[in-house]
Amino acid sequence: MMVINDMSLAMDAQRRWTEDAGAARKHRERGAKIYFIRLQVSHIYEAMKIVMEIRDSPELRKAVERSDPFTKKGFEALLAFIGSPEFEKVMGRLRNNLTFHYDPKTIERALASLVAKHPDAIGSISLGDEPHNWFFEPGDMVSDRAAVREIFKVPEDADVNEETDKIVMRLHHIVQMFGGFAGSLIWQNSK
């Protein structure tokens, strides 16, 4: 239940930053959108421990077996995702190296790569009375590079937006699948 609450707030915040941001927040829209995606994915990475706990507990597994086909199908799909390389290599690294922790090696490689590829790049730095005006654009540049090149492994010659969107949509699908599975399981097994 806590995961769904946290995930729904992250999803809502992402929507508000992208759809309702307005001119005063436009300069932070892209970074906010990416942050809230990273946050959603990171919460679901943590939530997958619950799926593994259900998998490993005969008693909890019975709750899934008593559920409707939608819930069972969602559980099996989540188990398949846990067994995929994407789970640790993308979702786990995003959570552990860029969202809840800042891995120095990942950040250093991203910074070195950014400087090598764009040696003349500049980024703005601003402070203000409102939190959204405290903005260090170079930080977004490095985190973008870390996500795209270090974690997502998008090649330099690829269409970054297209390739990143594919990965993000796949991870977003897992987020939604978890929400549907968990919500249904809780609903069907609550008194």
C-alpha atoms as a PDB file:
ATOM      1  CA  MET A   1       0.000   0.000   0.000  1.00  0.00           C
ATOM      2  CA  MET A   2       2.837   2.384   0.853  1.00  0.00           C
ATOM      3  CA  VAL A   3       4.510   1.738  -2.497  1.00  0.00           C
ATOM      4  CA  ILE A   4       1.332   2.587  -4.393  1.00  0.00           C
ATOM      5  CA  ASN A   5       0.945   5.771  -2.358  1.00  0.00           C
ATOM      6  CA  ASP A   6       4.547   6.831  -3.043  1.00  0.00           C
ATOM      7  CA  MET A   7       4.381   5.841  -6.700  1.00  0.00           C
ATOM      8  CA  SER A   8       1.106   7.688  -7.269  1.00  0.00           C
ATOM      9  CA  LEU A   9       2.546  10.881  -5.764  1.00  0.00           C
ATOM     10  CA  ALA A  10       5.626  10.647  -7.989  1.00  0.00           C
ATOM     11  CA  MET A  11       3.414  10.071 -11.052  1.00  0.00           C
ATOM     12  CA  ASP A  12       1.156  12.978 -10.101  1.00  0.00           C
ATOM     13  CA  ALA A  13       4.127  15.284  -9.489  1.00  0.00           C
ATOM     14  CA  GLN A  14       5.570  14.368 -12.874  1.00  0.00           C
ATOM     15  CA  ARG A  15       2.270  15.217 -14.565  1.00  0.00           C
ATOM     16  CA  ARG A  16       1.955  18.505 -12.689  1.00  0.00           C
ATOM     17  CA  TRP A  17       5.496  19.513 -13.618  1.00  0.00           C
ATOM     18  CA  THR A  18       4.968  18.694 -17.277  1.00  0.00           C
ATOM     19  CA  GLU A  19       1.335  19.689 -17.825  1.00  0.00           C
ATOM     20  CA  ASP A  20       0.732  22.380 -15.221  1.00  0.00           C
ATOM     21  CA  ALA A  21       4.215  23.868 -14.852  1.00  0.00           C
ATOM     22  CA  GLY A  22       3.551  27.259 -16.372  1.00  0.00           C
ATOM     23  CA  ALA A  23       6.116  29.852 -17.411  1.00  0.00           C
ATOM     24  CA  ALA A  24       7.618  30.286 -13.928  1.00  0.00           C
ATOM     25  CA  ARG A  25       8.742  26.654 -13.852  1.00  0.00           C
ATOM     26  CA  LYS A  26       9.450  26.054 -17.549  1.00  0.00           C
ATOM     27  CA  HIS A  27      13.231  26.169 -17.046  1.00  0.00           C
ATOM     28  CA  ARG A  28      13.026  23.153 -14.699  1.00  0.00           C
ATOM     29  CA  GLU A  29      10.381  21.121 -16.550  1.00  0.00           C
ATOM     30  CA  ARG A  30      12.730  18.674 -18.321  1.00  0.00           C
ATOM     31  CA  GLY A  31      14.817  17.957 -15.218  1.00  0.00           C
ATOM     32  CA  ALA A  32      11.698  17.537 -13.076  1.00  0.00           C
ATOM     33  CA  LYS A  33      10.134  15.138 -15.563  1.00  0.00           C
ATOM     34  CA  ILE A  34      13.285  13.008 -15.615  1.00  0.00           C
ATOM     35  CA  TYR A  35      13.632  13.140 -11.823  1.00  0.00           C
ATOM     36  CA  PHE A  36      10.091  11.948 -11.217  1.00  0.00           C
ATOM     37  CA  ILE A  37      10.552   9.104 -13.715  1.00  0.00           C
ATOM     38  CA  ARG A  38      13.734   8.086 -11.886  1.00  0.00           C
ATOM     39  CA  LEU A  39      11.829   8.292  -8.596  1.00  0.00           C
ATOM     40  CA  GLN A  40       8.967   6.082  -9.850  1.00  0.00           C
ATOM     41  CA  VAL A  41      11.374   3.483 -11.206  1.00  0.00           C
ATOM     42  CA  SER A  42      13.367   3.524  -7.972  1.00  0.00           C
ATOM     43  CA  HIS A  43      10.268   2.985  -5.836  1.00  0.00           C
ATOM     44  CA  ILE A  44       9.235   0.050  -8.006  1.00  0.00           C
ATOM     45  CA  TYR A  45      12.721  -1.428  -7.813  1.00  0.00           C
ATOM     46  CA  GLU A  46      12.298  -1.457  -4.030  1.00  0.00           C
ATOM     47  CA  ALA A  47       8.756  -2.822  -4.377  1.00  0.00           C
ATOM     48  CA  MET A  48       9.987  -5.777  -6.395  1.00  0.00           C
ATOM     49  CA  LYS A  49      11.348  -7.145  -3.106  1.00  0.00           C
ATOM     50  CA  ILE A  50       7.693  -7.631  -2.145  1.00  0.00           C
ATOM     51  CA  VAL A  51       7.107  -9.604  -5.341  1.00  0.00           C
ATOM     52  CA  MET A  52      10.122 -11.791  -4.506  1.00  0.00           C
ATOM     53  CA  GLU A  53       8.823 -12.260  -0.967  1.00  0.00           C
ATOM     54  CA  ILE A  54       5.474 -13.412  -2.346  1.00  0.00           C
ATOM     55  CA  ARG A  55       7.288 -15.732  -4.776  1.00  0.00           C
ATOM     56  CA  ASP A  56       9.274 -17.282  -1.913  1.00  0.00           C
ATOM     57  CA  SER A  57       6.413 -17.651   0.587  1.00  0.00           C
ATOM     58  CA  PRO A  58       3.940 -20.518   0.069  1.00  0.00           C
ATOM     59  CA  GLU A  59       1.378 -18.684   2.206  1.00  0.00           C
ATOM     60  CA  LEU A  60       1.644 -15.418   0.291  1.00  0.00           C
ATOM     61  CA  ARG A  61       1.748 -17.271  -3.032  1.00  0.00           C
ATOM     62  CA  LYS A  62      -1.675 -18.763  -2.163  1.00  0.00           C
ATOM     63  CA  ALA A  63      -3.099 -15.231  -2.044  1.00  0.00           C
ATOM     64  CA  VAL A  64      -2.012 -14.762  -5.660  1.00  0.00           C
ATOM     65  CA  GLU A  65      -3.379 -18.169  -6.652  1.00  0.00           C
ATOM     66  CA  ARG A  66      -6.801 -17.203  -5.182  1.00  0.00           C
ATOM     67  CA  SER A  67      -6.838 -14.004  -7.221  1.00  0.00           C
ATOM     68  CA  ASP A  68      -8.325 -13.248 -10.607  1.00  0.00           C
ATOM     69  CA  PRO A  69      -6.489 -13.906 -13.910  1.00  0.00           C
ATOM     70  CA  PHE A  70      -5.398 -10.235 -14.222  1.00  0.00           C
ATOM     71  CA  THR A  71      -3.585 -10.393 -10.871  1.00  0.00           C
ATOM     72  CA  LYS A  72      -1.983 -13.759 -11.653  1.00  0.00           C
ATOM     73  CA  LYS A  73      -0.818 -12.545 -15.065  1.00  0.00           C
ATOM     74  CA  GLY A  74       0.645  -9.379 -13.532  1.00  0.00           C
ATOM     75  CA  PHE A  75       2.500 -11.404 -10.914  1.00  0.00           C
ATOM     76  CA  GLU A  76       4.015 -13.721 -13.524  1.00  0.00           C
ATOM     77  CA  ALA A  77       5.041 -10.758 -15.696  1.00  0.00           C
ATOM     78  CA  LEU A  78       6.714  -9.055 -12.722  1.00  0.00           C
ATOM     79  CA  LEU A  79       8.579 -12.277 -11.894  1.00  0.00           C
ATOM     80  CA  ALA A  80       9.756 -12.463 -15.490  1.00  0.00           C
ATOM     81  CA  PHE A  81      10.985  -8.880 -15.291  1.00  0.00           C
ATOM     82  CA  ILE A  82      12.891  -9.627 -12.064  1.00  0.00           C
ATOM     83  CA  GLY A  83      14.687 -12.386 -13.971  1.00  0.00           C
ATOM     84  CA  SER A  84      15.560 -10.080 -16.874  1.00  0.00           C
ATOM     85  CA  PRO A  85      18.870  -8.227 -17.292  1.00  0.00           C
ATOM     86  CA  GLU A  86      16.931  -4.934 -17.271  1.00  0.00           C
ATOM     87  CA  PHE A  87      15.954  -5.382 -13.635  1.00  0.00           C
ATOM     88  CA  GLU A  88      19.427  -4.905 -12.166  1.00  0.00           C
ATOM     89  CA  LYS A  89      21.342  -3.375 -15.079  1.00  0.00           C
ATOM     90  CA  VAL A  90      18.839  -0.600 -15.714  1.00  0.00           C
ATOM     91  CA  MET A  91      16.291  -0.340 -12.901  1.00  0.00           C
ATOM     92  CA  GLY A  92      18.724  -1.288 -10.124  1.00  0.00           C
ATOM     93  CA  ARG A  93      21.491   0.984 -11.394  1.00  0.00           C
ATOM     94  CA  LEU A  94      19.064   3.871 -11.848  1.00  0.00           C
ATOM     95  CA  ARG A  95      17.930   3.451  -8.245  1.00  0.00           C
ATOM     96  CA  ASN A  96      21.333   2.739  -6.718  1.00  0.00           C
ATOM     97  CA  ASN A  97      23.624   4.971  -8.771  1.00  0.00           C
ATOM     98  CA  LEU A  98      21.564   8.001  -9.731  1.00  0.00           C
ATOM     99  CA  THR A  99      18.328   8.437  -7.748  1.00  0.00           C
ATOM    100  CA  PHE A 100      18.657   7.368  -4.106  1.00  0.00           C
ATOM    101  CA  HIS A 101      22.462   7.404  -4.201  1.00  0.00           C
ATOM    102  CA  TYR A 102      24.995   9.219  -6.363  1.00  0.00           C
ATOM    103  CA  ASP A 103      27.640   6.681  -7.311  1.00  0.00           C
ATOM    104  CA  PRO A 104      30.939   8.578  -7.723  1.00  0.00           C
ATOM    105  CA  LYS A 105      32.216   6.276 -10.484  1.00  0.00           C
ATOM    106  CA  THR A 106      29.029   6.593 -12.539  1.00  0.00           C
ATOM    107  CA  ILE A 107      29.037  10.378 -12.114  1.00  0.00           C
ATOM    108  CA  GLU A 108      32.761  10.691 -12.882  1.00  0.00           C
ATOM    109  CA  ARG A 109      32.433   8.648 -16.090  1.00  0.00           C
ATOM    110  CA  ALA A 110      29.392  10.679 -17.160  1.00  0.00           C
ATOM    111  CA  LEU A 111      31.189  13.967 -16.468  1.00  0.00           C
ATOM    112  CA  ALA A 112      34.340  12.870 -18.316  1.00  0.00           C
ATOM    113  CA  SER A 113      32.240  11.672 -21.258  1.00  0.00           C
ATOM    114  CA  LEU A 114      30.272  14.928 -21.331  1.00  0.00           C
ATOM    115  CA  VAL A 115      33.445  17.046 -21.287  1.00  0.00           C
ATOM    116  CA  ALA A 116      35.078  14.888 -23.994  1.00  0.00           C
ATOM    117  CA  LYS A 117      32.006  15.057 -26.261  1.00  0.00           C
ATOM    118  CA  HIS A 118      31.056  18.691 -25.546  1.00  0.00           C
ATOM    119  CA  PRO A 119      34.181  20.502 -24.272  1.00  0.00           C
ATOM    120  CA  ASP A 120      32.635  23.964 -24.769  1.00  0.00           C
ATOM    121  CA  ALA A 121      29.277  23.207 -23.146  1.00  0.00           C
ATOM    122  CA  ILE A 122      28.058  25.704 -20.600  1.00  0.00           C
ATOM    123  CA  GLY A 123      25.218  25.533 -18.133  1.00  0.00           C
ATOM    124  CA  SER A 124      23.446  28.129 -16.082  1.00  0.00           C
ATOM    125  CA  ILE A 125      23.394  28.346 -12.302  1.00  0.00           C
ATOM    126  CA  SER A 126      20.628  30.205 -10.527  1.00  0.00           C
ATOM    127  CA  LEU A 127      19.383  30.830  -7.004  1.00  0.00           C
ATOM    128  CA  GLY A 128      16.141  32.403  -5.925  1.00  0.00           C
ATOM    129  CA  ASP A 129      13.435  32.785  -3.333  1.00  0.00           C
ATOM    130  CA  GLU A 130      11.526  29.703  -4.524  1.00  0.00           C
ATOM    131  CA  PRO A 131      13.030  26.185  -4.393  1.00  0.00           C
ATOM    132  CA  HIS A 132      12.398  25.560  -8.092  1.00  0.00           C
ATOM    133  CA  ASN A 133      14.674  28.521  -8.868  1.00  0.00           C
ATOM    134  CA  TRP A 134      17.675  26.859  -7.230  1.00  0.00           C
ATOM    135  CA  PHE A 135      18.994  25.298 -10.397  1.00  0.00           C
ATOM    136  CA  PHE A 136      22.398  24.019 -11.406  1.00  0.00           C
ATOM    137  CA  GLU A 137      22.017  23.084 -15.058  1.00  0.00           C
ATOM    138  CA  PRO A 138      25.408  21.286 -15.159  1.00  0.00           C
ATOM    139  CA  GLY A 139      23.997  18.839 -12.593  1.00  0.00           C
ATOM    140  CA  ASP A 140      21.117  17.986 -14.957  1.00  0.00           C
ATOM    141  CA  MET A 141      23.588  17.663 -17.835  1.00  0.00           C
ATOM    142  CA  VAL A 142      25.705  15.153 -15.897  1.00  0.00           C
ATOM    143  CA  SER A 143      22.721  13.152 -14.588  1.00  0.00           C
ATOM    144  CA  ASP A 144      21.221  13.018 -18.096  1.00  0.00           C
ATOM    145  CA  ARG A 145      24.518  11.748 -19.466  1.00  0.00           C
ATOM    146  CA  ALA A 146      24.803   9.197 -16.647  1.00  0.00           C
ATOM    147  CA  ALA A 147      21.297   7.870 -17.303  1.00  0.00           C
ATOM    148  CA  VAL A 148      21.477   7.859 -21.089  1.00  0.00           C
ATOM    149  CA  ARG A 149      25.044   6.685 -21.704  1.00  0.00           C
ATOM    150  CA  GLU A 150      26.110   4.932 -18.486  1.00  0.00           C
ATOM    151  CA  ILE A 151      22.899   3.189 -17.421  1.00  0.00           C
ATOM    152  CA  PHE A 152      20.679   2.978 -20.522  1.00  0.00           C
ATOM    153  CA  LYS A 153      23.742   2.362 -22.741  1.00  0.00           C
ATOM    154  CA  VAL A 154      22.346   4.422 -25.627  1.00  0.00           C
ATOM    155  CA  PRO A 155      25.072   4.577 -28.310  1.00  0.00           C
ATOM    156  CA  GLU A 156      26.452   7.982 -29.328  1.00  0.00           C
ATOM    157  CA  ASP A 157      25.149   7.652 -32.901  1.00  0.00           C
ATOM    158  CA  ALA A 158      21.589   6.685 -31.884  1.00  0.00           C
ATOM    159  CA  ASP A 159      18.583   8.978 -31.697  1.00  0.00           C
ATOM    160  CA  VAL A 160      18.775   9.727 -27.963  1.00  0.00           C
ATOM    161  CA  ASN A 161      15.141  10.741 -27.539  1.00  0.00           C
ATOM    162  CA  GLU A 162      13.828   7.720 -29.424  1.00  0.00           C
ATOM    163  CA  GLU A 163      16.037   5.203 -27.611  1.00  0.00           C
ATOM    164  CA  THR A 164      15.508   6.777 -24.196  1.00  0.00           C
ATOM    165  CA  ASP A 165      11.750   6.920 -24.711  1.00  0.00           C
ATOM    166  CA  LYS A 166      11.697   3.170 -25.492  1.00  0.00           C
ATOM    167  CA  ILE A 167      13.502   2.387 -22.251  1.00  0.00           C
ATOM    168  CA  VAL A 168      11.470   4.809 -20.155  1.00  0.00           C
ATOM    169  CA  MET A 169       8.187   3.525 -21.571  1.00  0.00           C
ATOM    170  CA  ARG A 170       9.221  -0.080 -20.834  1.00  0.00           C
ATOM    171  CA  LEU A 171      10.063   0.848 -17.244  1.00  0.00           C
ATOM    172  CA  HIS A 172       6.861   2.898 -16.955  1.00  0.00           C
ATOM    173  CA  HIS A 173       4.948  -0.179 -18.115  1.00  0.00           C
ATOM    174  CA  ILE A 174       6.518  -2.129 -15.230  1.00  0.00           C
ATOM    175  CA  VAL A 175       5.516   0.659 -12.828  1.00  0.00           C
ATOM    176  CA  GLN A 176       1.915   0.471 -14.061  1.00  0.00           C
ATOM    177  CA  MET A 177       1.947  -3.330 -14.014  1.00  0.00           C
ATOM    178  CA  PHE A 178       3.089  -3.330 -10.400  1.00  0.00           C
ATOM    179  CA  GLY A 179       0.341  -0.850  -9.489  1.00  0.00           C
ATOM    180  CA  GLY A 180      -2.322  -2.993 -11.145  1.00  0.00           C
ATOM    181  CA  PHE A 181      -1.020  -6.212  -9.624  1.00  0.00           C
ATOM    182  CA  ALA A 182      -0.552  -4.824  -6.117  1.00  0.00           C
ATOM    183  CA  GLY A 183      -3.847  -2.932  -6.096  1.00  0.00           C
ATOM    184  CA  SER A 184      -5.780  -5.993  -7.260  1.00  0.00           C
ATOM    185  CA  LEU A 185      -4.013  -8.337  -4.853  1.00  0.00           C
ATOM    186  CA  ILE A 186      -4.664  -6.048  -1.899  1.00  0.00           C
ATOM    187  CA  TRP A 187      -8.281  -5.436  -2.917  1.00  0.00           C
ATOM    188  CA  GLN A 188      -9.041  -9.137  -3.386  1.00  0.00           C
ATOM    189  CA  ASN A 189      -7.396 -10.223  -0.130  1.00  0.00           C
ATOM    190  CA  SER A 190      -8.566  -7.484   2.240  1.00  0.00           C
ATOM    191  CA  LYS A 191     -11.487  -7.780   4.561  1.00  0.00           C
END
